[in-house]
Amino acid sequence: MIGVVLAVWLLGTWVTKYSLEEMAVFTPIAVAALGALIGIVLLWVKIVRDSLRGRRTDP
């Protein structure tokens, strides 16, 4: 988890106009937003996969 936070912090500093100190403040928000995005993507993958699996088993 530490590696992910460091990666988000350093990548965020490289991509945005924020300095390392400013990005350190925004890193928890960025990590939470990325976690939410990943959760939504995984939820939709599960929904689509279950939907496709249900179509194959219906007569």
PDB file of N, CA and C in Angstrom:
ATOM      1  N   MET A   1       0.819  -1.191   0.000  1.00  0.00           N
ATOM      2  CA  MET A   1       0.000   0.000   0.000  1.00  0.00           C
ATOM      3  C   MET A   1       0.869   1.264   0.000  1.00  0.00           C
ATOM      4  N   ILE A   2       1.987   1.188   0.699  1.00  0.00           N
ATOM      5  CA  ILE A   2       2.887   2.340   0.729  1.00  0.00           C
ATOM      6  C   ILE A   2       3.399   2.646  -0.678  1.00  0.00           C
ATOM      7  N   GLY A   3       3.693   1.607  -1.418  1.00  0.00           N
ATOM      8  CA  GLY A   3       4.164   1.803  -2.788  1.00  0.00           C
ATOM      9  C   GLY A   3       3.122   2.467  -3.677  1.00  0.00           C
ATOM     10  N   VAL A   4       1.869   2.081  -3.500  1.00  0.00           N
ATOM     11  CA  VAL A   4       0.793   2.681  -4.290  1.00  0.00           C
ATOM     12  C   VAL A   4       0.660   4.167  -3.950  1.00  0.00           C
ATOM     13  N   VAL A   5       0.698   4.481  -2.659  1.00  0.00           N
ATOM     14  CA  VAL A   5       0.576   5.878  -2.243  1.00  0.00           C
ATOM     15  C   VAL A   5       1.743   6.703  -2.772  1.00  0.00           C
ATOM     16  N   LEU A   6       2.942   6.168  -2.685  1.00  0.00           N
ATOM     17  CA  LEU A   6       4.105   6.881  -3.222  1.00  0.00           C
ATOM     18  C   LEU A   6       4.004   7.067  -4.732  1.00  0.00           C
ATOM     19  N   ALA A   7       3.520   6.040  -5.418  1.00  0.00           N
ATOM     20  CA  ALA A   7       3.368   6.140  -6.870  1.00  0.00           C
ATOM     21  C   ALA A   7       2.342   7.206  -7.236  1.00  0.00           C
ATOM     22  N   VAL A   8       1.225   7.240  -6.525  1.00  0.00           N
ATOM     23  CA  VAL A   8       0.205   8.256  -6.791  1.00  0.00           C
ATOM     24  C   VAL A   8       0.756   9.642  -6.497  1.00  0.00           C
ATOM     25  N   TRP A   9       1.500   9.764  -5.415  1.00  0.00           N
ATOM     26  CA  TRP A   9       2.069  11.052  -5.027  1.00  0.00           C
ATOM     27  C   TRP A   9       3.062  11.556  -6.085  1.00  0.00           C
ATOM     28  N   LEU A  10       3.992  10.701  -6.470  1.00  0.00           N
ATOM     29  CA  LEU A  10       5.013  11.120  -7.433  1.00  0.00           C
ATOM     30  C   LEU A  10       4.434  11.296  -8.837  1.00  0.00           C
ATOM     31  N   LEU A  11       3.562  10.394  -9.242  1.00  0.00           N
ATOM     32  CA  LEU A  11       2.931  10.519 -10.559  1.00  0.00           C
ATOM     33  C   LEU A  11       2.039  11.753 -10.608  1.00  0.00           C
ATOM     34  N   GLY A  12       1.329  12.023  -9.517  1.00  0.00           N
ATOM     35  CA  GLY A  12       0.500  13.223  -9.457  1.00  0.00           C
ATOM     36  C   GLY A  12       1.316  14.489  -9.533  1.00  0.00           C
ATOM     37  N   THR A  13       2.477  14.480  -8.912  1.00  0.00           N
ATOM     38  CA  THR A  13       3.364  15.641  -8.992  1.00  0.00           C
ATOM     39  C   THR A  13       3.875  15.833 -10.412  1.00  0.00           C
ATOM     40  N   TRP A  14       4.190  14.739 -11.092  1.00  0.00           N
ATOM     41  CA  TRP A  14       4.719  14.806 -12.449  1.00  0.00           C
ATOM     42  C   TRP A  14       3.646  15.265 -13.442  1.00  0.00           C
ATOM     43  N   VAL A  15       2.397  14.783 -13.258  1.00  0.00           N
ATOM     44  CA  VAL A  15       1.321  15.065 -14.211  1.00  0.00           C
ATOM     45  C   VAL A  15       0.720  16.453 -13.991  1.00  0.00           C
ATOM     46  N   THR A  16       0.596  16.872 -12.732  1.00  0.00           N
ATOM     47  CA  THR A  16      -0.062  18.149 -12.434  1.00  0.00           C
ATOM     48  C   THR A  16       0.956  19.257 -12.230  1.00  0.00           C
ATOM     49  N   LYS A  17       0.447  20.432 -11.955  1.00  0.00           N
ATOM     50  CA  LYS A  17       1.303  21.591 -11.714  1.00  0.00           C
ATOM     51  C   LYS A  17       1.706  21.721 -10.252  1.00  0.00           C
ATOM     52  N   TYR A  18       1.264  20.803  -9.397  1.00  0.00           N
ATOM     53  CA  TYR A  18       1.517  20.897  -7.962  1.00  0.00           C
ATOM     54  C   TYR A  18       2.939  20.462  -7.602  1.00  0.00           C
ATOM     55  N   SER A  19       3.482  21.086  -6.566  1.00  0.00           N
ATOM     56  CA  SER A  19       4.796  20.692  -6.061  1.00  0.00           C
ATOM     57  C   SER A  19       4.649  19.434  -5.211  1.00  0.00           C
ATOM     58  N   LEU A  20       5.761  18.870  -4.766  1.00  0.00           N
ATOM     59  CA  LEU A  20       5.711  17.676  -3.916  1.00  0.00           C
ATOM     60  C   LEU A  20       4.949  17.950  -2.626  1.00  0.00           C
ATOM     61  N   GLU A  21       5.139  19.121  -2.045  1.00  0.00           N
ATOM     62  CA  GLU A  21       4.466  19.455  -0.795  1.00  0.00           C
ATOM     63  C   GLU A  21       2.961  19.612  -0.997  1.00  0.00           C
ATOM     64  N   GLU A  22       2.575  20.278  -2.083  1.00  0.00           N
ATOM     65  CA  GLU A  22       1.145  20.445  -2.366  1.00  0.00           C
ATOM     66  C   GLU A  22       0.491  19.108  -2.696  1.00  0.00           C
ATOM     67  N   MET A  23       1.181  18.290  -3.459  1.00  0.00           N
ATOM     68  CA  MET A  23       0.611  16.989  -3.831  1.00  0.00           C
ATOM     69  C   MET A  23       0.511  16.071  -2.632  1.00  0.00           C
ATOM     70  N   ALA A  24       1.378  16.257  -1.639  1.00  0.00           N
ATOM     71  CA  ALA A  24       1.289  15.456  -0.426  1.00  0.00           C
ATOM     72  C   ALA A  24      -0.040  15.697   0.286  1.00  0.00           C
ATOM     73  N   VAL A  25      -0.576  16.895   0.164  1.00  0.00           N
ATOM     74  CA  VAL A  25      -1.876  17.214   0.768  1.00  0.00           C
ATOM     75  C   VAL A  25      -2.998  16.549  -0.019  1.00  0.00           C
ATOM     76  N   PHE A  26      -2.869  16.517  -1.344  1.00  0.00           N
ATOM     77  CA  PHE A  26      -3.921  15.977  -2.197  1.00  0.00           C
ATOM     78  C   PHE A  26      -3.830  14.465  -2.421  1.00  0.00           C
ATOM     79  N   THR A  27      -2.754  13.842  -2.027  1.00  0.00           N
ATOM     80  CA  THR A  27      -2.581  12.405  -2.268  1.00  0.00           C
ATOM     81  C   THR A  27      -3.662  11.554  -1.618  1.00  0.00           C
ATOM     82  N   PRO A  28      -4.069  11.800  -0.354  1.00  0.00           N
ATOM     83  CA  PRO A  28      -5.154  10.973   0.204  1.00  0.00           C
ATOM     84  C   PRO A  28      -6.455  11.078  -0.590  1.00  0.00           C
ATOM     85  N   ILE A  29      -6.743  12.255  -1.103  1.00  0.00           N
ATOM     86  CA  ILE A  29      -7.944  12.432  -1.916  1.00  0.00           C
ATOM     87  C   ILE A  29      -7.801  11.673  -3.226  1.00  0.00           C
ATOM     88  N   ALA A  30      -6.623  11.740  -3.827  1.00  0.00           N
ATOM     89  CA  ALA A  30      -6.376  11.037  -5.088  1.00  0.00           C
ATOM     90  C   ALA A  30      -6.454   9.521  -4.897  1.00  0.00           C
ATOM     91  N   VAL A  31      -5.917   9.019  -3.787  1.00  0.00           N
ATOM     92  CA  VAL A  31      -5.962   7.580  -3.517  1.00  0.00           C
ATOM     93  C   VAL A  31      -7.409   7.131  -3.317  1.00  0.00           C
ATOM     94  N   ALA A  32      -8.193   7.909  -2.578  1.00  0.00           N
ATOM     95  CA  ALA A  32      -9.604   7.569  -2.368  1.00  0.00           C
ATOM     96  C   ALA A  32     -10.381   7.596  -3.686  1.00  0.00           C
ATOM     97  N   ALA A  33     -10.104   8.588  -4.519  1.00  0.00           N
ATOM     98  CA  ALA A  33     -10.793   8.677  -5.807  1.00  0.00           C
ATOM     99  C   ALA A  33     -10.419   7.512  -6.718  1.00  0.00           C
ATOM    100  N   LEU A  34      -9.150   7.155  -6.747  1.00  0.00           N
ATOM    101  CA  LEU A  34      -8.731   6.004  -7.557  1.00  0.00           C
ATOM    102  C   LEU A  34      -9.336   4.704  -7.031  1.00  0.00           C
ATOM    103  N   GLY A  35      -9.402   4.571  -5.724  1.00  0.00           N
ATOM    104  CA  GLY A  35     -10.033   3.384  -5.143  1.00  0.00           C
ATOM    105  C   GLY A  35     -11.502   3.286  -5.504  1.00  0.00           C
ATOM    106  N   ALA A  36     -12.203   4.414  -5.459  1.00  0.00           N
ATOM    107  CA  ALA A  36     -13.611   4.425  -5.848  1.00  0.00           C
ATOM    108  C   ALA A  36     -13.784   4.088  -7.324  1.00  0.00           C
ATOM    109  N   LEU A  37     -12.919   4.634  -8.158  1.00  0.00           N
ATOM    110  CA  LEU A  37     -12.982   4.343  -9.589  1.00  0.00           C
ATOM    111  C   LEU A  37     -12.740   2.861  -9.861  1.00  0.00           C
ATOM    112  N   ILE A  38     -11.738   2.298  -9.224  1.00  0.00           N
ATOM    113  CA  ILE A  38     -11.456   0.870  -9.398  1.00  0.00           C
ATOM    114  C   ILE A  38     -12.624   0.023  -8.906  1.00  0.00           C
ATOM    115  N   GLY A  39     -13.230   0.432  -7.785  1.00  0.00           N
ATOM    116  CA  GLY A  39     -14.388  -0.299  -7.269  1.00  0.00           C
ATOM    117  C   GLY A  39     -15.555  -0.277  -8.243  1.00  0.00           C
ATOM    118  N   ILE A  40     -15.815   0.873  -8.851  1.00  0.00           N
ATOM    119  CA  ILE A  40     -16.911   0.979  -9.818  1.00  0.00           C
ATOM    120  C   ILE A  40     -16.622   0.136 -11.055  1.00  0.00           C
ATOM    121  N   VAL A  41     -15.389   0.172 -11.533  1.00  0.00           N
ATOM    122  CA  VAL A  41     -15.022  -0.638 -12.704  1.00  0.00           C
ATOM    123  C   VAL A  41     -15.193  -2.122 -12.396  1.00  0.00           C
ATOM    124  N   LEU A  42     -14.724  -2.564 -11.233  1.00  0.00           N
ATOM    125  CA  LEU A  42     -14.876  -3.976 -10.872  1.00  0.00           C
ATOM    126  C   LEU A  42     -16.343  -4.375 -10.730  1.00  0.00           C
ATOM    127  N   LEU A  43     -17.164  -3.469 -10.201  1.00  0.00           N
ATOM    128  CA  LEU A  43     -18.597  -3.750 -10.086  1.00  0.00           C
ATOM    129  C   LEU A  43     -19.222  -3.936 -11.456  1.00  0.00           C
ATOM    130  N   TRP A  44     -18.898  -3.055 -12.409  1.00  0.00           N
ATOM    131  CA  TRP A  44     -19.456  -3.186 -13.745  1.00  0.00           C
ATOM    132  C   TRP A  44     -18.937  -4.420 -14.476  1.00  0.00           C
ATOM    133  N   VAL A  45     -17.692  -4.776 -14.250  1.00  0.00           N
ATOM    134  CA  VAL A  45     -17.164  -6.008 -14.847  1.00  0.00           C
ATOM    135  C   VAL A  45     -17.937  -7.209 -14.316  1.00  0.00           C
ATOM    136  N   LYS A  46     -18.218  -7.231 -13.021  1.00  0.00           N
ATOM    137  CA  LYS A  46     -18.984  -8.334 -12.429  1.00  0.00           C
ATOM    138  C   LYS A  46     -20.405  -8.367 -12.987  1.00  0.00           C
ATOM    139  N   ILE A  47     -21.036  -7.202 -13.138  1.00  0.00           N
ATOM    140  CA  ILE A  47     -22.398  -7.145 -13.673  1.00  0.00           C
ATOM    141  C   ILE A  47     -22.437  -7.661 -15.102  1.00  0.00           C
ATOM    142  N   VAL A  48     -21.512  -7.221 -15.929  1.00  0.00           N
ATOM    143  CA  VAL A  48     -21.485  -7.659 -17.330  1.00  0.00           C
ATOM    144  C   VAL A  48     -21.176  -9.146 -17.417  1.00  0.00           C
ATOM    145  N   ARG A  49     -20.213  -9.610 -16.614  1.00  0.00           N
ATOM    146  CA  ARG A  49     -19.852 -11.026 -16.637  1.00  0.00           C
ATOM    147  C   ARG A  49     -21.026 -11.904 -16.203  1.00  0.00           C
ATOM    148  N   ASP A  50     -21.722 -11.504 -15.144  1.00  0.00           N
ATOM    149  CA  ASP A  50     -22.882 -12.276 -14.694  1.00  0.00           C
ATOM    150  C   ASP A  50     -24.014 -12.228 -15.714  1.00  0.00           C
ATOM    151  N   SER A  51     -24.176 -11.094 -16.375  1.00  0.00           N
ATOM    152  CA  SER A  51     -25.197 -10.979 -17.392  1.00  0.00           C
ATOM    153  C   SER A  51     -24.908 -11.892 -18.585  1.00  0.00           C
ATOM    154  N   LEU A  52     -23.662 -11.913 -19.008  1.00  0.00           N
ATOM    155  CA  LEU A  52     -23.285 -12.788 -20.127  1.00  0.00           C
ATOM    156  C   LEU A  52     -23.373 -14.251 -19.732  1.00  0.00           C
ATOM    157  N   ARG A  53     -23.003 -14.572 -18.515  1.00  0.00           N
ATOM    158  CA  ARG A  53     -23.096 -15.949 -18.040  1.00  0.00           C
ATOM    159  C   ARG A  53     -24.563 -16.383 -17.954  1.00  0.00           C
ATOM    160  N   GLY A  54     -25.444 -15.471 -17.549  1.00  0.00           N
ATOM    161  CA  GLY A  54     -26.870 -15.777 -17.460  1.00  0.00           C
ATOM    162  C   GLY A  54     -27.498 -16.019 -18.821  1.00  0.00           C
ATOM    163  N   ARG A  55     -27.012 -15.318 -19.834  1.00  0.00           N
ATOM    164  CA  ARG A  55     -27.553 -15.509 -21.184  1.00  0.00           C
ATOM    165  C   ARG A  55     -27.176 -16.879 -21.734  1.00  0.00           C
ATOM    166  N   ARG A  56     -26.016 -17.357 -21.406  1.00  0.00           N
ATOM    167  CA  ARG A  56     -25.580 -18.671 -21.921  1.00  0.00           C
ATOM    168  C   ARG A  56     -26.358 -19.809 -21.311  1.00  0.00           C
ATOM    169  N   THR A  57     -26.809 -19.651 -20.066  1.00  0.00           N
ATOM    170  CA  THR A  57     -27.497 -20.759 -19.388  1.00  0.00           C
ATOM    171  C   THR A  57     -29.005 -20.747 -19.633  1.00  0.00           C
ATOM    172  N   ASP A  58     -29.552 -19.629 -20.131  1.00  0.00           N
ATOM    173  CA  ASP A  58     -30.997 -19.582 -20.404  1.00  0.00           C
ATOM    174  C   ASP A  58     -31.322 -20.438 -21.621  1.00  0.00           C
ATOM    175  N   PRO A  59     -32.442 -21.221 -21.538  1.00  0.00           N
ATOM    176  CA  PRO A  59     -32.829 -22.054 -22.697  1.00  0.00           C
ATOM    177  C   PRO A  59     -33.437 -21.272 -23.810  1.00  0.00           C
TER     178      PRO A  59
END
